[in-house]
């Protein structure tokens, strides 16, 4: 049994049932849409966010039908945002295969993303889960704001550490935070516990995104995107931000010129990657990632010990130690 299977053990039945529930939400009577949705289901990822939902619920109580609704709601939102992100980033590959916009172009991709998002909202309304609707709507708002803020800062290249954390807190961490909160909401109505799980998920989500940022400075594109992709998109993430903050004014101006004018030049990108590694940017980012992960785990220790809590801690370690 591999590590991921061990983590899933306390919620294995929930995850098995989830497959059919989620598949049912990705259906349409429109033939072309049905084809695209089927393609997306077949190329789905590890479904880490539903795992967060089920483990949060199992740690705090007994999973139920509403936990399935919560997990589907989160995964539908995640799936919709991936489709939209590929359009925004002009990315033609997702998880090693062609993205939806690469195969069916941007117009259809945007509409498919809208349809999936609507499916999630309708699912919550069908089950009269207005608390879920509030959590999901908050996540949609945060992710949109985070994406727009990142686009603005990528154009101006004037990002600072506080802004960086604000971007990843909204763009990435908000959905993992929502996963833990909505899982909690499926088994308890205590607003303090739900908010506590949200904050724990926020820290775990920040650690998750920093890990993604570190991947961009690895020797190989082990998560399905080219090494240096963030630089090519003029995204200043934590490793590069550390380099900028520890450079002289002249060095900083030169680095920013390289990003602005030669961000697609392979030699310039390679030079920047080497500089980030040499100056300790990757090491610093790893330290920050570990800080947020440990903060999340420490907060989890306030809850009673059970198998789900053990797996939840293991999942937080997994998302920061993963190789892809």
C-alpha atoms as a PDB file:
ATOM      1  CA  UNK A   1       0.000   0.000   0.000  1.00  0.00           C
ATOM      2  CA  UNK A   2       1.521   3.321  -1.057  1.00  0.00           C
ATOM      3  CA  UNK A   3       1.432   6.487   1.053  1.00  0.00           C
ATOM      4  CA  UNK A   4      -1.601   7.989  -0.686  1.00  0.00           C
ATOM      5  CA  UNK A   5      -3.579   4.767  -0.192  1.00  0.00           C
ATOM      6  CA  UNK A   6      -2.659   4.808   3.502  1.00  0.00           C
ATOM      7  CA  UNK A   7      -3.889   8.392   3.786  1.00  0.00           C
ATOM      8  CA  UNK A   8      -7.166   7.442   2.084  1.00  0.00           C
ATOM      9  CA  UNK A   9      -7.780   4.393   4.295  1.00  0.00           C
ATOM     10  CA  UNK A  10     -10.170   6.023   6.827  1.00  0.00           C
ATOM     11  CA  UNK A  11     -12.282   7.493   4.004  1.00  0.00           C
ATOM     12  CA  UNK A  12     -11.867   4.803   1.318  1.00  0.00           C
ATOM     13  CA  UNK A  13     -15.593   4.057   1.137  1.00  0.00           C
ATOM     14  CA  UNK A  14     -16.434   7.778   0.957  1.00  0.00           C
ATOM     15  CA  UNK A  15     -14.013   8.236  -1.922  1.00  0.00           C
ATOM     16  CA  UNK A  16     -15.397   5.194  -3.721  1.00  0.00           C
ATOM     17  CA  UNK A  17     -18.943   6.572  -3.443  1.00  0.00           C
ATOM     18  CA  UNK A  18     -17.668  10.008  -4.461  1.00  0.00           C
ATOM     19  CA  UNK A  19     -16.592   8.726  -7.883  1.00  0.00           C
ATOM     20  CA  UNK A  20     -20.159   7.983  -8.944  1.00  0.00           C
ATOM     21  CA  UNK A  21     -21.546  11.155  -7.345  1.00  0.00           C
ATOM     22  CA  UNK A  22     -18.978  13.320  -9.119  1.00  0.00           C
ATOM     23  CA  UNK A  23     -19.434  11.522 -12.442  1.00  0.00           C
ATOM     24  CA  UNK A  24     -23.173  12.196 -12.277  1.00  0.00           C
ATOM     25  CA  UNK A  25     -22.521  15.945 -11.958  1.00  0.00           C
ATOM     26  CA  UNK A  26     -20.413  15.927 -15.128  1.00  0.00           C
ATOM     27  CA  UNK A  27     -23.224  15.021 -17.501  1.00  0.00           C
ATOM     28  CA  UNK A  28     -25.169  16.907 -20.146  1.00  0.00           C
ATOM     29  CA  UNK A  29     -27.739  16.151 -22.841  1.00  0.00           C
ATOM     30  CA  UNK A  30     -25.781  18.338 -25.261  1.00  0.00           C
ATOM     31  CA  UNK A  31     -23.543  15.880 -27.188  1.00  0.00           C
ATOM     32  CA  UNK A  32     -20.486  18.121 -27.604  1.00  0.00           C
ATOM     33  CA  UNK A  33     -20.590  19.202 -23.962  1.00  0.00           C
ATOM     34  CA  UNK A  34     -21.013  15.582 -22.859  1.00  0.00           C
ATOM     35  CA  UNK A  35     -17.919  14.638 -24.869  1.00  0.00           C
ATOM     36  CA  UNK A  36     -15.827  17.381 -23.277  1.00  0.00           C
ATOM     37  CA  UNK A  37     -17.060  16.536 -19.761  1.00  0.00           C
ATOM     38  CA  UNK A  38     -16.268  12.859 -20.294  1.00  0.00           C
ATOM     39  CA  UNK A  39     -12.763  13.798 -21.448  1.00  0.00           C
ATOM     40  CA  UNK A  40     -12.281  15.897 -18.335  1.00  0.00           C
ATOM     41  CA  UNK A  41     -13.460  13.107 -16.042  1.00  0.00           C
ATOM     42  CA  UNK A  42     -11.032  10.654 -17.636  1.00  0.00           C
ATOM     43  CA  UNK A  43      -8.112  13.074 -17.157  1.00  0.00           C
ATOM     44  CA  UNK A  44      -8.945  14.139 -13.588  1.00  0.00           C
ATOM     45  CA  UNK A  45      -6.185  14.468 -11.000  1.00  0.00           C
ATOM     46  CA  UNK A  46      -5.660  12.944  -7.557  1.00  0.00           C
ATOM     47  CA  UNK A  47      -8.707  14.762  -6.151  1.00  0.00           C
ATOM     48  CA  UNK A  48      -6.805  16.033  -3.129  1.00  0.00           C
ATOM     49  CA  UNK A  49      -9.487  18.575  -2.223  1.00  0.00           C
ATOM     50  CA  UNK A  50     -12.264  15.984  -1.795  1.00  0.00           C
ATOM     51  CA  UNK A  51      -9.834  14.094   0.422  1.00  0.00           C
ATOM     52  CA  UNK A  52      -9.517  17.210   2.582  1.00  0.00           C
ATOM     53  CA  UNK A  53     -13.329  17.435   2.728  1.00  0.00           C
ATOM     54  CA  UNK A  54     -13.840  13.824   3.812  1.00  0.00           C
ATOM     55  CA  UNK A  55     -10.966  13.772   6.306  1.00  0.00           C
ATOM     56  CA  UNK A  56     -12.146  17.015   7.902  1.00  0.00           C
ATOM     57  CA  UNK A  57     -15.663  15.604   8.274  1.00  0.00           C
ATOM     58  CA  UNK A  58     -14.439  12.213   9.541  1.00  0.00           C
ATOM     59  CA  UNK A  59     -12.165  13.851  12.105  1.00  0.00           C
ATOM     60  CA  UNK A  60     -15.050  15.876  13.539  1.00  0.00           C
ATOM     61  CA  UNK A  61     -17.942  13.437  13.179  1.00  0.00           C
ATOM     62  CA  UNK A  62     -19.489  10.854  10.858  1.00  0.00           C
ATOM     63  CA  UNK A  63     -19.477  11.444   7.109  1.00  0.00           C
ATOM     64  CA  UNK A  64     -22.878  11.457   5.422  1.00  0.00           C
ATOM     65  CA  UNK A  65     -24.732  12.357   2.233  1.00  0.00           C
ATOM     66  CA  UNK A  66     -24.119  16.061   2.807  1.00  0.00           C
ATOM     67  CA  UNK A  67     -20.387  15.354   2.985  1.00  0.00           C
ATOM     68  CA  UNK A  68     -20.672  13.927  -0.526  1.00  0.00           C
ATOM     69  CA  UNK A  69     -22.462  17.106  -1.632  1.00  0.00           C
ATOM     70  CA  UNK A  70     -19.668  19.150  -0.029  1.00  0.00           C
ATOM     71  CA  UNK A  71     -16.934  17.133  -1.772  1.00  0.00           C
ATOM     72  CA  UNK A  72     -18.650  17.366  -5.166  1.00  0.00           C
ATOM     73  CA  UNK A  73     -19.164  21.110  -4.721  1.00  0.00           C
ATOM     74  CA  UNK A  74     -15.479  21.667  -4.032  1.00  0.00           C
ATOM     75  CA  UNK A  75     -14.277  19.446  -6.861  1.00  0.00           C
ATOM     76  CA  UNK A  76     -16.656  21.041  -9.350  1.00  0.00           C
ATOM     77  CA  UNK A  77     -15.355  24.477  -8.416  1.00  0.00           C
ATOM     78  CA  UNK A  78     -11.764  23.263  -8.668  1.00  0.00           C
ATOM     79  CA  UNK A  79     -12.420  21.689 -12.087  1.00  0.00           C
ATOM     80  CA  UNK A  80     -14.096  24.842 -13.411  1.00  0.00           C
ATOM     81  CA  UNK A  81     -11.240  27.057 -12.258  1.00  0.00           C
ATOM     82  CA  UNK A  82      -8.647  24.788 -13.892  1.00  0.00           C
ATOM     83  CA  UNK A  83     -10.429  25.177 -17.235  1.00  0.00           C
ATOM     84  CA  UNK A  84     -10.595  28.943 -16.830  1.00  0.00           C
ATOM     85  CA  UNK A  85      -6.976  29.142 -15.622  1.00  0.00           C
ATOM     86  CA  UNK A  86      -5.742  27.364 -18.752  1.00  0.00           C
ATOM     87  CA  UNK A  87      -7.533  29.965 -20.872  1.00  0.00           C
ATOM     88  CA  UNK A  88      -6.112  32.866 -18.840  1.00  0.00           C
ATOM     89  CA  UNK A  89      -2.575  31.403 -18.855  1.00  0.00           C
ATOM     90  CA  UNK A  90      -2.828  30.315 -22.520  1.00  0.00           C
ATOM     91  CA  UNK A  91      -1.766  26.855 -21.380  1.00  0.00           C
ATOM     92  CA  UNK A  92      -2.269  23.972 -23.782  1.00  0.00           C
ATOM     93  CA  UNK A  93      -1.341  21.135 -21.461  1.00  0.00           C
ATOM     94  CA  UNK A  94      -2.870  19.881 -18.228  1.00  0.00           C
ATOM     95  CA  UNK A  95      -1.604  16.801 -16.326  1.00  0.00           C
ATOM     96  CA  UNK A  96       0.433  15.662 -19.288  1.00  0.00           C
ATOM     97  CA  UNK A  97      -2.419  15.795 -21.829  1.00  0.00           C
ATOM     98  CA  UNK A  98      -3.993  18.502 -23.962  1.00  0.00           C
ATOM     99  CA  UNK A  99      -6.075  21.040 -22.051  1.00  0.00           C
ATOM    100  CA  UNK A 100      -9.716  21.710 -22.939  1.00  0.00           C
ATOM    101  CA  UNK A 101      -8.844  25.013 -24.632  1.00  0.00           C
ATOM    102  CA  UNK A 102      -6.127  23.303 -26.687  1.00  0.00           C
ATOM    103  CA  UNK A 103      -8.622  20.785 -28.073  1.00  0.00           C
ATOM    104  CA  UNK A 104     -11.813  22.869 -28.276  1.00  0.00           C
ATOM    105  CA  UNK A 105     -10.513  26.471 -28.194  1.00  0.00           C
ATOM    106  CA  UNK A 106     -11.069  29.256 -25.704  1.00  0.00           C
ATOM    107  CA  UNK A 107     -14.729  30.070 -26.340  1.00  0.00           C
ATOM    108  CA  UNK A 108     -15.890  26.543 -25.628  1.00  0.00           C
ATOM    109  CA  UNK A 109     -13.482  26.179 -22.706  1.00  0.00           C
ATOM    110  CA  UNK A 110     -14.890  29.265 -20.958  1.00  0.00           C
ATOM    111  CA  UNK A 111     -18.457  28.043 -21.465  1.00  0.00           C
ATOM    112  CA  UNK A 112     -17.599  24.557 -20.191  1.00  0.00           C
ATOM    113  CA  UNK A 113     -16.019  26.091 -17.092  1.00  0.00           C
ATOM    114  CA  UNK A 114     -19.174  28.167 -16.552  1.00  0.00           C
ATOM    115  CA  UNK A 115     -21.370  25.071 -16.908  1.00  0.00           C
ATOM    116  CA  UNK A 116     -19.336  23.124 -14.326  1.00  0.00           C
ATOM    117  CA  UNK A 117     -19.424  26.033 -11.886  1.00  0.00           C
ATOM    118  CA  UNK A 118     -23.213  26.267 -12.312  1.00  0.00           C
ATOM    119  CA  UNK A 119     -23.546  22.525 -11.662  1.00  0.00           C
ATOM    120  CA  UNK A 120     -21.903  22.974  -8.289  1.00  0.00           C
ATOM    121  CA  UNK A 121     -24.142  25.885  -7.325  1.00  0.00           C
ATOM    122  CA  UNK A 122     -27.260  24.000  -8.399  1.00  0.00           C
ATOM    123  CA  UNK A 123     -26.167  20.972  -6.369  1.00  0.00           C
ATOM    124  CA  UNK A 124     -25.930  23.094  -3.224  1.00  0.00           C
ATOM    125  CA  UNK A 125     -29.333  24.682  -3.884  1.00  0.00           C
ATOM    126  CA  UNK A 126     -30.910  21.279  -4.559  1.00  0.00           C
ATOM    127  CA  UNK A 127     -29.875  20.119  -1.093  1.00  0.00           C
ATOM    128  CA  UNK A 128     -30.704  23.515   0.478  1.00  0.00           C
ATOM    129  CA  UNK A 129     -27.138  23.905   1.722  1.00  0.00           C
ATOM    130  CA  UNK A 130     -26.988  27.685   1.871  1.00  0.00           C
ATOM    131  CA  UNK A 131     -23.998  27.552   4.212  1.00  0.00           C
ATOM    132  CA  UNK A 132     -22.121  25.644   1.516  1.00  0.00           C
ATOM    133  CA  UNK A 133     -23.195  28.252  -1.013  1.00  0.00           C
ATOM    134  CA  UNK A 134     -21.720  30.963   1.176  1.00  0.00           C
ATOM    135  CA  UNK A 135     -18.396  29.125   1.513  1.00  0.00           C
ATOM    136  CA  UNK A 136     -18.157  28.324  -2.208  1.00  0.00           C
ATOM    137  CA  UNK A 137     -19.121  31.867  -3.256  1.00  0.00           C
ATOM    138  CA  UNK A 138     -16.452  33.263  -0.938  1.00  0.00           C
ATOM    139  CA  UNK A 139     -13.894  30.970  -2.584  1.00  0.00           C
ATOM    140  CA  UNK A 140     -14.951  32.038  -6.105  1.00  0.00           C
ATOM    141  CA  UNK A 141     -14.592  35.684  -5.124  1.00  0.00           C
ATOM    142  CA  UNK A 142     -11.174  35.117  -3.543  1.00  0.00           C
ATOM    143  CA  UNK A 143      -9.823  33.124  -6.493  1.00  0.00           C
ATOM    144  CA  UNK A 144     -10.980  35.714  -9.016  1.00  0.00           C
ATOM    145  CA  UNK A 145      -9.442  38.543  -6.986  1.00  0.00           C
ATOM    146  CA  UNK A 146      -6.203  36.602  -6.559  1.00  0.00           C
ATOM    147  CA  UNK A 147      -5.924  35.890 -10.277  1.00  0.00           C
ATOM    148  CA  UNK A 148      -6.617  39.514 -11.225  1.00  0.00           C
ATOM    149  CA  UNK A 149      -4.123  40.788  -8.655  1.00  0.00           C
ATOM    150  CA  UNK A 150      -1.475  38.414  -9.999  1.00  0.00           C
ATOM    151  CA  UNK A 151      -2.107  39.527 -13.594  1.00  0.00           C
ATOM    152  CA  UNK A 152      -1.772  43.181 -12.562  1.00  0.00           C
ATOM    153  CA  UNK A 153       1.445  42.579 -10.644  1.00  0.00           C
ATOM    154  CA  UNK A 154       2.897  40.455 -13.456  1.00  0.00           C
ATOM    155  CA  UNK A 155       2.466  43.414 -15.800  1.00  0.00           C
ATOM    156  CA  UNK A 156       3.960  45.958 -13.401  1.00  0.00           C
ATOM    157  CA  UNK A 157       6.588  43.640 -11.830  1.00  0.00           C
ATOM    158  CA  UNK A 158       6.295  45.490  -8.519  1.00  0.00           C
ATOM    159  CA  UNK A 159       5.243  42.660  -6.209  1.00  0.00           C
ATOM    160  CA  UNK A 160       6.331  42.588  -2.557  1.00  0.00           C
ATOM    161  CA  UNK A 161       6.187  39.778   0.017  1.00  0.00           C
ATOM    162  CA  UNK A 162       2.877  40.891   1.528  1.00  0.00           C
ATOM    163  CA  UNK A 163       1.238  41.047  -1.895  1.00  0.00           C
ATOM    164  CA  UNK A 164       2.657  37.637  -2.833  1.00  0.00           C
ATOM    165  CA  UNK A 165       1.052  36.016   0.214  1.00  0.00           C
ATOM    166  CA  UNK A 166      -2.199  37.871  -0.455  1.00  0.00           C
ATOM    167  CA  UNK A 167      -2.252  36.464  -3.992  1.00  0.00           C
ATOM    168  CA  UNK A 168      -1.640  32.841  -3.031  1.00  0.00           C
ATOM    169  CA  UNK A 169      -3.954  33.076  -0.026  1.00  0.00           C
ATOM    170  CA  UNK A 170      -6.771  34.084  -2.370  1.00  0.00           C
ATOM    171  CA  UNK A 171      -5.868  32.206  -5.543  1.00  0.00           C
ATOM    172  CA  UNK A 172      -4.885  28.802  -4.144  1.00  0.00           C
ATOM    173  CA  UNK A 173      -5.213  28.549  -0.382  1.00  0.00           C
ATOM    174  CA  UNK A 174      -8.853  29.680  -0.350  1.00  0.00           C
ATOM    175  CA  UNK A 175     -10.053  26.467  -2.003  1.00  0.00           C
ATOM    176  CA  UNK A 176      -8.164  24.157   0.340  1.00  0.00           C
ATOM    177  CA  UNK A 177      -9.448  26.285   3.239  1.00  0.00           C
ATOM    178  CA  UNK A 178     -12.966  25.901   1.845  1.00  0.00           C
ATOM    179  CA  UNK A 179     -12.473  22.130   1.527  1.00  0.00           C
ATOM    180  CA  UNK A 180     -11.718  21.755   5.229  1.00  0.00           C
ATOM    181  CA  UNK A 181     -14.440  24.204   6.265  1.00  0.00           C
ATOM    182  CA  UNK A 182     -17.175  22.665   4.117  1.00  0.00           C
ATOM    183  CA  UNK A 183     -16.221  19.187   5.314  1.00  0.00           C
ATOM    184  CA  UNK A 184     -16.611  20.415   8.873  1.00  0.00           C
ATOM    185  CA  UNK A 185     -19.925  22.081   7.979  1.00  0.00           C
ATOM    186  CA  UNK A 186     -21.297  18.722   6.810  1.00  0.00           C
ATOM    187  CA  UNK A 187     -21.045  17.279  10.338  1.00  0.00           C
ATOM    188  CA  UNK A 188     -21.291  20.297  12.662  1.00  0.00           C
ATOM    189  CA  UNK A 189     -23.111  23.617  12.754  1.00  0.00           C
ATOM    190  CA  UNK A 190     -20.601  25.186  15.148  1.00  0.00           C
ATOM    191  CA  UNK A 191     -19.335  28.331  13.333  1.00  0.00           C
ATOM    192  CA  UNK A 192     -16.177  28.482  15.450  1.00  0.00           C
ATOM    193  CA  UNK A 193     -15.105  24.969  14.435  1.00  0.00           C
ATOM    194  CA  UNK A 194     -15.921  25.634  10.764  1.00  0.00           C
ATOM    195  CA  UNK A 195     -13.867  28.847  10.806  1.00  0.00           C
ATOM    196  CA  UNK A 196     -11.042  27.093  12.665  1.00  0.00           C
ATOM    197  CA  UNK A 197     -10.887  24.459   9.935  1.00  0.00           C
ATOM    198  CA  UNK A 198     -10.951  27.215   7.315  1.00  0.00           C
ATOM    199  CA  UNK A 199      -7.883  28.877   8.846  1.00  0.00           C
ATOM    200  CA  UNK A 200      -6.061  25.545   9.120  1.00  0.00           C
ATOM    201  CA  UNK A 201      -6.798  24.912   5.449  1.00  0.00           C
ATOM    202  CA  UNK A 202      -5.578  28.373   4.559  1.00  0.00           C
ATOM    203  CA  UNK A 203      -2.155  27.657   6.066  1.00  0.00           C
ATOM    204  CA  UNK A 204      -2.013  24.240   4.405  1.00  0.00           C
ATOM    205  CA  UNK A 205      -2.998  25.850   1.093  1.00  0.00           C
ATOM    206  CA  UNK A 206      -0.250  28.454   1.350  1.00  0.00           C
ATOM    207  CA  UNK A 207       2.269  25.646   1.937  1.00  0.00           C
ATOM    208  CA  UNK A 208       0.821  23.780  -1.066  1.00  0.00           C
ATOM    209  CA  UNK A 209       1.283  26.780  -3.375  1.00  0.00           C
ATOM    210  CA  UNK A 210       4.826  27.481  -2.193  1.00  0.00           C
ATOM    211  CA  UNK A 211       5.645  23.855  -3.060  1.00  0.00           C
ATOM    212  CA  UNK A 212       4.293  24.492  -6.564  1.00  0.00           C
ATOM    213  CA  UNK A 213       6.444  27.620  -6.792  1.00  0.00           C
ATOM    214  CA  UNK A 214       9.522  25.615  -5.797  1.00  0.00           C
ATOM    215  CA  UNK A 215       8.809  23.062  -8.541  1.00  0.00           C
ATOM    216  CA  UNK A 216       9.378  25.777 -11.133  1.00  0.00           C
ATOM    217  CA  UNK A 217      13.047  25.933 -10.117  1.00  0.00           C
ATOM    218  CA  UNK A 218      13.643  22.165 -10.288  1.00  0.00           C
ATOM    219  CA  UNK A 219      15.862  20.619 -12.936  1.00  0.00           C
ATOM    220  CA  UNK A 220      12.924  18.925 -14.634  1.00  0.00           C
ATOM    221  CA  UNK A 221       9.339  19.966 -15.329  1.00  0.00           C
ATOM    222  CA  UNK A 222       8.025  17.257 -13.029  1.00  0.00           C
ATOM    223  CA  UNK A 223       4.510  18.639 -12.684  1.00  0.00           C
ATOM    224  CA  UNK A 224       3.786  18.842 -16.398  1.00  0.00           C
ATOM    225  CA  UNK A 225       4.997  22.367 -17.071  1.00  0.00           C
ATOM    226  CA  UNK A 226       8.385  23.566 -18.372  1.00  0.00           C
ATOM    227  CA  UNK A 227      11.046  24.595 -15.861  1.00  0.00           C
ATOM    228  CA  UNK A 228      10.986  28.358 -15.493  1.00  0.00           C
ATOM    229  CA  UNK A 229       7.374  28.640 -16.594  1.00  0.00           C
ATOM    230  CA  UNK A 230       6.548  31.243 -13.934  1.00  0.00           C
ATOM    231  CA  UNK A 231       9.418  33.418 -15.156  1.00  0.00           C
ATOM    232  CA  UNK A 232       8.168  33.075 -18.723  1.00  0.00           C
ATOM    233  CA  UNK A 233       4.760  34.271 -17.549  1.00  0.00           C
ATOM    234  CA  UNK A 234       6.410  37.120 -15.576  1.00  0.00           C
ATOM    235  CA  UNK A 235       5.118  35.704 -12.285  1.00  0.00           C
ATOM    236  CA  UNK A 236       7.295  36.694  -9.351  1.00  0.00           C
ATOM    237  CA  UNK A 237       6.901  33.884  -6.823  1.00  0.00           C
ATOM    238  CA  UNK A 238       8.592  33.428  -3.447  1.00  0.00           C
ATOM    239  CA  UNK A 239      11.966  31.993  -4.609  1.00  0.00           C
ATOM    240  CA  UNK A 240      12.452  34.837  -7.120  1.00  0.00           C
ATOM    241  CA  UNK A 241      11.094  37.397  -4.655  1.00  0.00           C
ATOM    242  CA  UNK A 242      13.757  36.335  -2.163  1.00  0.00           C
ATOM    243  CA  UNK A 243      16.448  36.940  -4.806  1.00  0.00           C
ATOM    244  CA  UNK A 244      15.061  40.407  -5.566  1.00  0.00           C
ATOM    245  CA  UNK A 245      14.893  41.291  -1.867  1.00  0.00           C
ATOM    246  CA  UNK A 246      18.525  40.251  -1.371  1.00  0.00           C
ATOM    247  CA  UNK A 247      20.011  42.024  -4.383  1.00  0.00           C
ATOM    248  CA  UNK A 248      21.551  45.455  -4.729  1.00  0.00           C
ATOM    249  CA  UNK A 249      19.517  48.122  -6.488  1.00  0.00           C
ATOM    250  CA  UNK A 250      21.517  47.623  -9.668  1.00  0.00           C
ATOM    251  CA  UNK A 251      21.172  43.832  -9.552  1.00  0.00           C
ATOM    252  CA  UNK A 252      17.441  44.144  -8.911  1.00  0.00           C
ATOM    253  CA  UNK A 253      16.950  46.427 -11.919  1.00  0.00           C
ATOM    254  CA  UNK A 254      18.903  44.006 -14.130  1.00  0.00           C
ATOM    255  CA  UNK A 255      16.837  41.026 -12.928  1.00  0.00           C
ATOM    256  CA  UNK A 256      13.580  42.881 -13.568  1.00  0.00           C
ATOM    257  CA  UNK A 257      14.787  43.861 -17.060  1.00  0.00           C
ATOM    258  CA  UNK A 258      15.547  40.225 -17.818  1.00  0.00           C
ATOM    259  CA  UNK A 259      12.057  39.180 -16.677  1.00  0.00           C
ATOM    260  CA  UNK A 260      10.387  41.995 -18.614  1.00  0.00           C
ATOM    261  CA  UNK A 261      12.325  41.819 -21.872  1.00  0.00           C
ATOM    262  CA  UNK A 262      13.791  38.326 -22.087  1.00  0.00           C
ATOM    263  CA  UNK A 263      11.318  36.187 -20.175  1.00  0.00           C
ATOM    264  CA  UNK A 264      10.991  33.824 -23.152  1.00  0.00           C
ATOM    265  CA  UNK A 265      14.728  33.630 -23.809  1.00  0.00           C
ATOM    266  CA  UNK A 266      15.894  30.205 -22.598  1.00  0.00           C
ATOM    267  CA  UNK A 267      19.362  31.460 -21.666  1.00  0.00           C
ATOM    268  CA  UNK A 268      17.954  34.357 -19.634  1.00  0.00           C
ATOM    269  CA  UNK A 269      15.470  32.067 -17.895  1.00  0.00           C
ATOM    270  CA  UNK A 270      18.243  29.606 -17.104  1.00  0.00           C
ATOM    271  CA  UNK A 271      20.392  32.422 -15.702  1.00  0.00           C
ATOM    272  CA  UNK A 272      17.567  33.572 -13.432  1.00  0.00           C
ATOM    273  CA  UNK A 273      16.891  30.030 -12.211  1.00  0.00           C
ATOM    274  CA  UNK A 274      20.583  29.571 -11.399  1.00  0.00           C
ATOM    275  CA  UNK A 275      20.678  32.895  -9.553  1.00  0.00           C
ATOM    276  CA  UNK A 276      17.629  32.000  -7.468  1.00  0.00           C
ATOM    277  CA  UNK A 277      19.118  28.643  -6.478  1.00  0.00           C
ATOM    278  CA  UNK A 278      22.595  30.074  -5.842  1.00  0.00           C
ATOM    279  CA  UNK A 279      21.322  32.913  -3.632  1.00  0.00           C
ATOM    280  CA  UNK A 280      19.169  30.588  -1.514  1.00  0.00           C
ATOM    281  CA  UNK A 281      15.719  31.472  -2.873  1.00  0.00           C
ATOM    282  CA  UNK A 282      14.567  27.860  -3.110  1.00  0.00           C
ATOM    283  CA  UNK A 283      15.897  27.052   0.348  1.00  0.00           C
ATOM    284  CA  UNK A 284      14.125  30.070   1.833  1.00  0.00           C
ATOM    285  CA  UNK A 285      10.851  29.161   0.105  1.00  0.00           C
ATOM    286  CA  UNK A 286      11.109  25.625   1.500  1.00  0.00           C
ATOM    287  CA  UNK A 287      11.568  27.035   5.001  1.00  0.00           C
ATOM    288  CA  UNK A 288       8.444  29.173   4.616  1.00  0.00           C
ATOM    289  CA  UNK A 289       6.503  26.220   3.203  1.00  0.00           C
ATOM    290  CA  UNK A 290       7.467  24.130   6.229  1.00  0.00           C
ATOM    291  CA  UNK A 291       6.473  26.948   8.573  1.00  0.00           C
ATOM    292  CA  UNK A 292       2.917  27.147   7.217  1.00  0.00           C
ATOM    293  CA  UNK A 293       2.559  23.360   7.083  1.00  0.00           C
ATOM    294  CA  UNK A 294       3.671  22.997  10.706  1.00  0.00           C
ATOM    295  CA  UNK A 295       1.365  25.827  11.746  1.00  0.00           C
ATOM    296  CA  UNK A 296      -1.581  23.986  10.189  1.00  0.00           C
ATOM    297  CA  UNK A 297      -0.593  20.674  11.775  1.00  0.00           C
ATOM    298  CA  UNK A 298      -0.112  22.288  15.192  1.00  0.00           C
ATOM    299  CA  UNK A 299      -3.652  23.693  15.035  1.00  0.00           C
ATOM    300  CA  UNK A 300      -5.024  20.250  14.130  1.00  0.00           C
ATOM    301  CA  UNK A 301      -3.527  18.811  17.302  1.00  0.00           C
ATOM    302  CA  UNK A 302      -6.179  20.700  19.281  1.00  0.00           C
ATOM    303  CA  UNK A 303      -8.763  18.212  17.997  1.00  0.00           C
ATOM    304  CA  UNK A 304      -9.204  14.691  19.451  1.00  0.00           C
ATOM    305  CA  UNK A 305      -6.935  11.977  18.061  1.00  0.00           C
ATOM    306  CA  UNK A 306      -8.482   9.560  15.555  1.00  0.00           C
ATOM    307  CA  UNK A 307      -7.579   7.888  12.259  1.00  0.00           C
ATOM    308  CA  UNK A 308      -8.905  10.775  10.194  1.00  0.00           C
ATOM    309  CA  UNK A 309      -6.766  13.325  12.047  1.00  0.00           C
ATOM    310  CA  UNK A 310      -3.698  11.139  11.502  1.00  0.00           C
ATOM    311  CA  UNK A 311      -4.464  10.934   7.785  1.00  0.00           C
ATOM    312  CA  UNK A 312      -5.166  14.652   7.580  1.00  0.00           C
ATOM    313  CA  UNK A 313      -1.735  15.389   9.042  1.00  0.00           C
ATOM    314  CA  UNK A 314      -0.198  12.859   6.642  1.00  0.00           C
ATOM    315  CA  UNK A 315      -1.987  14.562   3.721  1.00  0.00           C
ATOM    316  CA  UNK A 316      -0.539  17.927   4.732  1.00  0.00           C
ATOM    317  CA  UNK A 317       2.918  16.360   4.749  1.00  0.00           C
ATOM    318  CA  UNK A 318       2.212  14.684   1.421  1.00  0.00           C
ATOM    319  CA  UNK A 319       1.274  17.901  -0.414  1.00  0.00           C
ATOM    320  CA  UNK A 320       4.560  19.522   0.660  1.00  0.00           C
ATOM    321  CA  UNK A 321       6.782  16.484   0.065  1.00  0.00           C
ATOM    322  CA  UNK A 322       5.271  15.340  -3.247  1.00  0.00           C
ATOM    323  CA  UNK A 323       7.514  14.871  -6.255  1.00  0.00           C
ATOM    324  CA  UNK A 324       4.944  16.046  -8.806  1.00  0.00           C
END
